[in-house]
């Protein structure tokens, strides 16, 4: 069965920190905080915290994200420059409100970790861990693709070659 995960689609971002927690159903989980996000769509993100279940960000599967989304209408009467949003896995996006605080990386990080703890019913916030430089260099933001077998780790589904007759050489 295929699950579709709606996540912030980024072409690039700067890795900031790595967090870890253990979950009874999801196994070991890691969180990766990124900033300087380059978006695929017209939706712009300042910072994103991705959660991977079943391992680290190289071997695990993305299952949740918290994002600081730039409010493009901030100067038109809206009160905050950024929205705090969660991506709980289904093809939905939950807006938790707007504030200038979500532009600040430290304030965003503190609230994003609280959202992760709430989503996974954790008794405490995920703990920051050191990450080897080689792993940091290999980090790529996950994509919003159908995640299932055998691809499964955020890669786009592989195109299947069409079989057919060729009447030319």
C-alpha atoms as a PDB file:
ATOM      1  CA  UNK A   1       0.000   0.000   0.000  1.00  0.00           C
ATOM      2  CA  UNK A   2       1.284   3.450  -0.901  1.00  0.00           C
ATOM      3  CA  UNK A   3       1.214   6.342   1.553  1.00  0.00           C
ATOM      4  CA  UNK A   4       1.407   9.887   0.252  1.00  0.00           C
ATOM      5  CA  UNK A   5       3.331  12.242   2.475  1.00  0.00           C
ATOM      6  CA  UNK A   6       2.927  15.933   1.894  1.00  0.00           C
ATOM      7  CA  UNK A   7       6.157  17.623   2.986  1.00  0.00           C
ATOM      8  CA  UNK A   8       7.777  20.970   2.255  1.00  0.00           C
ATOM      9  CA  UNK A   9       9.294  20.511  -1.216  1.00  0.00           C
ATOM     10  CA  UNK A  10      12.788  21.971  -1.171  1.00  0.00           C
ATOM     11  CA  UNK A  11      15.510  21.893  -3.794  1.00  0.00           C
ATOM     12  CA  UNK A  12      18.071  22.778  -1.168  1.00  0.00           C
ATOM     13  CA  UNK A  13      18.603  23.915   2.397  1.00  0.00           C
ATOM     14  CA  UNK A  14      21.403  24.403   4.895  1.00  0.00           C
ATOM     15  CA  UNK A  15      21.681  21.696   7.539  1.00  0.00           C
ATOM     16  CA  UNK A  16      21.653  23.152  11.088  1.00  0.00           C
ATOM     17  CA  UNK A  17      21.161  20.422  13.738  1.00  0.00           C
ATOM     18  CA  UNK A  18      20.156  16.818  14.310  1.00  0.00           C
ATOM     19  CA  UNK A  19      17.887  15.461  17.082  1.00  0.00           C
ATOM     20  CA  UNK A  20      16.958  11.946  18.198  1.00  0.00           C
ATOM     21  CA  UNK A  21      14.169  10.163  20.105  1.00  0.00           C
ATOM     22  CA  UNK A  22      12.918   6.606  20.556  1.00  0.00           C
ATOM     23  CA  UNK A  23       9.291   5.789  19.886  1.00  0.00           C
ATOM     24  CA  UNK A  24       7.545   2.495  20.781  1.00  0.00           C
ATOM     25  CA  UNK A  25       5.733   2.174  17.425  1.00  0.00           C
ATOM     26  CA  UNK A  26       8.038   4.056  15.046  1.00  0.00           C
ATOM     27  CA  UNK A  27      11.368   2.841  16.465  1.00  0.00           C
ATOM     28  CA  UNK A  28      14.378   5.151  16.568  1.00  0.00           C
ATOM     29  CA  UNK A  29      13.508   8.513  15.030  1.00  0.00           C
ATOM     30  CA  UNK A  30      15.652  11.450  14.034  1.00  0.00           C
ATOM     31  CA  UNK A  31      14.849  15.079  13.345  1.00  0.00           C
ATOM     32  CA  UNK A  32      16.819  17.340  11.038  1.00  0.00           C
ATOM     33  CA  UNK A  33      16.617  21.123  11.284  1.00  0.00           C
ATOM     34  CA  UNK A  34      17.343  23.081   8.098  1.00  0.00           C
ATOM     35  CA  UNK A  35      17.307  26.760   7.179  1.00  0.00           C
ATOM     36  CA  UNK A  36      18.060  28.851   4.089  1.00  0.00           C
ATOM     37  CA  UNK A  37      15.412  26.849   2.267  1.00  0.00           C
ATOM     38  CA  UNK A  38      15.064  26.944  -1.508  1.00  0.00           C
ATOM     39  CA  UNK A  39      11.543  25.960  -2.441  1.00  0.00           C
ATOM     40  CA  UNK A  40      10.238  24.096  -5.466  1.00  0.00           C
ATOM     41  CA  UNK A  41       6.907  25.947  -5.421  1.00  0.00           C
ATOM     42  CA  UNK A  42       5.796  29.505  -4.802  1.00  0.00           C
ATOM     43  CA  UNK A  43       5.431  28.625  -1.098  1.00  0.00           C
ATOM     44  CA  UNK A  44       8.601  29.820   0.626  1.00  0.00           C
ATOM     45  CA  UNK A  45       9.994  28.316   3.821  1.00  0.00           C
ATOM     46  CA  UNK A  46      12.452  29.921   6.225  1.00  0.00           C
ATOM     47  CA  UNK A  47      13.137  26.811   8.363  1.00  0.00           C
ATOM     48  CA  UNK A  48      11.957  23.199   8.409  1.00  0.00           C
ATOM     49  CA  UNK A  49      12.297  20.422  10.977  1.00  0.00           C
ATOM     50  CA  UNK A  50      11.902  17.007   9.289  1.00  0.00           C
ATOM     51  CA  UNK A  51      11.206  13.833  11.295  1.00  0.00           C
ATOM     52  CA  UNK A  52      12.383  10.424  10.041  1.00  0.00           C
ATOM     53  CA  UNK A  53      11.070   7.182  11.517  1.00  0.00           C
ATOM     54  CA  UNK A  54      13.027   3.953  11.632  1.00  0.00           C
ATOM     55  CA  UNK A  55      16.502   5.451  11.657  1.00  0.00           C
ATOM     56  CA  UNK A  56      18.506   8.509  10.753  1.00  0.00           C
ATOM     57  CA  UNK A  57      17.860  10.817   7.803  1.00  0.00           C
ATOM     58  CA  UNK A  58      19.838   8.568   5.433  1.00  0.00           C
ATOM     59  CA  UNK A  59      18.097   5.284   6.295  1.00  0.00           C
ATOM     60  CA  UNK A  60      14.777   6.354   7.831  1.00  0.00           C
ATOM     61  CA  UNK A  61      11.511   7.338   6.218  1.00  0.00           C
ATOM     62  CA  UNK A  62      10.218  10.941   6.457  1.00  0.00           C
ATOM     63  CA  UNK A  63       6.952  10.944   8.396  1.00  0.00           C
ATOM     64  CA  UNK A  64       6.374  14.438   9.818  1.00  0.00           C
ATOM     65  CA  UNK A  65       7.595  18.019   9.400  1.00  0.00           C
ATOM     66  CA  UNK A  66       7.227  21.406  11.056  1.00  0.00           C
ATOM     67  CA  UNK A  67       7.881  24.476   8.928  1.00  0.00           C
ATOM     68  CA  UNK A  68       8.213  28.225   9.169  1.00  0.00           C
ATOM     69  CA  UNK A  69       6.368  29.346   6.061  1.00  0.00           C
ATOM     70  CA  UNK A  70       6.891  32.896   4.803  1.00  0.00           C
ATOM     71  CA  UNK A  71       3.660  34.920   4.935  1.00  0.00           C
ATOM     72  CA  UNK A  72       3.549  36.579   1.521  1.00  0.00           C
ATOM     73  CA  UNK A  73       0.671  38.795   2.692  1.00  0.00           C
ATOM     74  CA  UNK A  74       2.406  40.038   5.866  1.00  0.00           C
ATOM     75  CA  UNK A  75       2.324  43.703   4.836  1.00  0.00           C
ATOM     76  CA  UNK A  76      -1.363  43.639   3.923  1.00  0.00           C
ATOM     77  CA  UNK A  77      -2.877  43.666   7.389  1.00  0.00           C
ATOM     78  CA  UNK A  78      -1.777  40.230   8.568  1.00  0.00           C
ATOM     79  CA  UNK A  79       0.004  40.270  11.907  1.00  0.00           C
ATOM     80  CA  UNK A  80       2.924  37.886  11.410  1.00  0.00           C
ATOM     81  CA  UNK A  81       5.710  37.521   8.890  1.00  0.00           C
ATOM     82  CA  UNK A  82       5.697  33.699   9.062  1.00  0.00           C
ATOM     83  CA  UNK A  83       3.238  30.855   9.614  1.00  0.00           C
ATOM     84  CA  UNK A  84       4.007  27.867  11.816  1.00  0.00           C
ATOM     85  CA  UNK A  85       2.817  24.778   9.932  1.00  0.00           C
ATOM     86  CA  UNK A  86       2.864  21.034  10.497  1.00  0.00           C
ATOM     87  CA  UNK A  87       2.822  18.275   7.910  1.00  0.00           C
ATOM     88  CA  UNK A  88       1.424  15.231   9.757  1.00  0.00           C
ATOM     89  CA  UNK A  89       1.907  12.709   6.970  1.00  0.00           C
ATOM     90  CA  UNK A  90      -1.399  12.617   5.176  1.00  0.00           C
ATOM     91  CA  UNK A  91      -1.726  14.925   2.216  1.00  0.00           C
ATOM     92  CA  UNK A  92      -2.658  17.772   4.546  1.00  0.00           C
ATOM     93  CA  UNK A  93      -0.968  20.842   5.939  1.00  0.00           C
ATOM     94  CA  UNK A  94      -1.972  22.344   9.300  1.00  0.00           C
ATOM     95  CA  UNK A  95      -1.489  26.069   9.873  1.00  0.00           C
ATOM     96  CA  UNK A  96      -0.902  26.819  13.577  1.00  0.00           C
ATOM     97  CA  UNK A  97      -0.912  30.599  13.238  1.00  0.00           C
ATOM     98  CA  UNK A  98       1.218  33.517  12.195  1.00  0.00           C
ATOM     99  CA  UNK A  99       3.895  35.383  14.097  1.00  0.00           C
ATOM    100  CA  UNK A 100       7.159  37.225  13.555  1.00  0.00           C
ATOM    101  CA  UNK A 101       8.722  34.764  16.039  1.00  0.00           C
ATOM    102  CA  UNK A 102       8.751  31.931  13.470  1.00  0.00           C
ATOM    103  CA  UNK A 103      11.317  33.873  11.425  1.00  0.00           C
ATOM    104  CA  UNK A 104      13.806  33.479  14.305  1.00  0.00           C
ATOM    105  CA  UNK A 105      15.594  30.123  14.048  1.00  0.00           C
ATOM    106  CA  UNK A 106      15.911  29.567  17.822  1.00  0.00           C
ATOM    107  CA  UNK A 107      12.265  30.406  18.576  1.00  0.00           C
ATOM    108  CA  UNK A 108      11.107  28.258  15.670  1.00  0.00           C
ATOM    109  CA  UNK A 109      13.292  25.341  16.807  1.00  0.00           C
ATOM    110  CA  UNK A 110      11.947  25.409  20.366  1.00  0.00           C
ATOM    111  CA  UNK A 111       8.331  25.392  19.163  1.00  0.00           C
ATOM    112  CA  UNK A 112       8.978  22.812  16.416  1.00  0.00           C
ATOM    113  CA  UNK A 113      10.472  20.389  18.954  1.00  0.00           C
ATOM    114  CA  UNK A 114       7.376  20.893  21.143  1.00  0.00           C
ATOM    115  CA  UNK A 115       5.178  20.039  18.137  1.00  0.00           C
ATOM    116  CA  UNK A 116       7.205  16.867  17.509  1.00  0.00           C
ATOM    117  CA  UNK A 117       6.892  15.854  21.163  1.00  0.00           C
ATOM    118  CA  UNK A 118       3.130  16.416  20.989  1.00  0.00           C
ATOM    119  CA  UNK A 119       2.681  14.594  17.695  1.00  0.00           C
ATOM    120  CA  UNK A 120       4.541  11.511  18.931  1.00  0.00           C
ATOM    121  CA  UNK A 121       3.311  11.731  22.569  1.00  0.00           C
ATOM    122  CA  UNK A 122       6.851  12.008  23.911  1.00  0.00           C
ATOM    123  CA  UNK A 123       7.443  12.627  27.635  1.00  0.00           C
ATOM    124  CA  UNK A 124      10.343  14.963  26.758  1.00  0.00           C
ATOM    125  CA  UNK A 125      11.688  16.868  23.771  1.00  0.00           C
ATOM    126  CA  UNK A 126      13.990  15.130  21.269  1.00  0.00           C
ATOM    127  CA  UNK A 127      17.675  15.400  22.254  1.00  0.00           C
ATOM    128  CA  UNK A 128      20.272  17.105  20.094  1.00  0.00           C
ATOM    129  CA  UNK A 129      22.999  14.746  18.845  1.00  0.00           C
ATOM    130  CA  UNK A 130      26.285  15.164  17.002  1.00  0.00           C
ATOM    131  CA  UNK A 131      26.291  14.121  13.379  1.00  0.00           C
ATOM    132  CA  UNK A 132      29.373  13.031  11.426  1.00  0.00           C
ATOM    133  CA  UNK A 133      30.382  15.523   8.736  1.00  0.00           C
ATOM    134  CA  UNK A 134      30.073  12.852   6.056  1.00  0.00           C
ATOM    135  CA  UNK A 135      26.391  12.344   6.928  1.00  0.00           C
ATOM    136  CA  UNK A 136      25.729  16.090   6.925  1.00  0.00           C
ATOM    137  CA  UNK A 137      27.240  16.356   3.452  1.00  0.00           C
ATOM    138  CA  UNK A 138      24.902  13.618   2.198  1.00  0.00           C
ATOM    139  CA  UNK A 139      21.722  15.224   3.565  1.00  0.00           C
ATOM    140  CA  UNK A 140      19.039  16.049   0.996  1.00  0.00           C
ATOM    141  CA  UNK A 141      15.578  17.339   1.912  1.00  0.00           C
ATOM    142  CA  UNK A 142      12.885  14.708   1.313  1.00  0.00           C
ATOM    143  CA  UNK A 143      10.242  15.176  -1.368  1.00  0.00           C
ATOM    144  CA  UNK A 144       6.456  14.856  -1.289  1.00  0.00           C
ATOM    145  CA  UNK A 145       6.188  11.642  -3.229  1.00  0.00           C
ATOM    146  CA  UNK A 146       4.269   8.457  -2.714  1.00  0.00           C
ATOM    147  CA  UNK A 147       6.320   6.508  -0.209  1.00  0.00           C
ATOM    148  CA  UNK A 148       5.961   2.788  -0.517  1.00  0.00           C
ATOM    149  CA  UNK A 149       7.776  -0.332  -1.577  1.00  0.00           C
ATOM    150  CA  UNK A 150      10.300  -0.639  -3.117  1.00  0.00           C
ATOM    151  CA  UNK A 151      11.402   3.007  -3.546  1.00  0.00           C
ATOM    152  CA  UNK A 152      10.184   4.148  -0.137  1.00  0.00           C
ATOM    153  CA  UNK A 153      12.606   6.849   0.966  1.00  0.00           C
ATOM    154  CA  UNK A 154      11.255   9.955  -0.701  1.00  0.00           C
ATOM    155  CA  UNK A 155      12.602   9.271  -4.166  1.00  0.00           C
ATOM    156  CA  UNK A 156      10.303   9.875  -7.102  1.00  0.00           C
ATOM    157  CA  UNK A 157       8.743   6.676  -8.405  1.00  0.00           C
ATOM    158  CA  UNK A 158      10.896   5.101 -11.098  1.00  0.00           C
ATOM    159  CA  UNK A 159       9.518   5.265 -14.592  1.00  0.00           C
ATOM    160  CA  UNK A 160       8.730   1.916 -16.072  1.00  0.00           C
ATOM    161  CA  UNK A 161       9.920   1.322 -19.602  1.00  0.00           C
ATOM    162  CA  UNK A 162       7.106   0.854 -22.025  1.00  0.00           C
ATOM    163  CA  UNK A 163       7.261  -2.302 -24.048  1.00  0.00           C
ATOM    164  CA  UNK A 164       6.293  -2.024 -27.646  1.00  0.00           C
ATOM    165  CA  UNK A 165       7.275  -2.807 -31.182  1.00  0.00           C
ATOM    166  CA  UNK A 166       9.759  -0.666 -33.019  1.00  0.00           C
ATOM    167  CA  UNK A 167       9.257  -0.634 -36.761  1.00  0.00           C
ATOM    168  CA  UNK A 168      12.484   1.230 -37.437  1.00  0.00           C
ATOM    169  CA  UNK A 169      16.140   0.536 -36.813  1.00  0.00           C
END
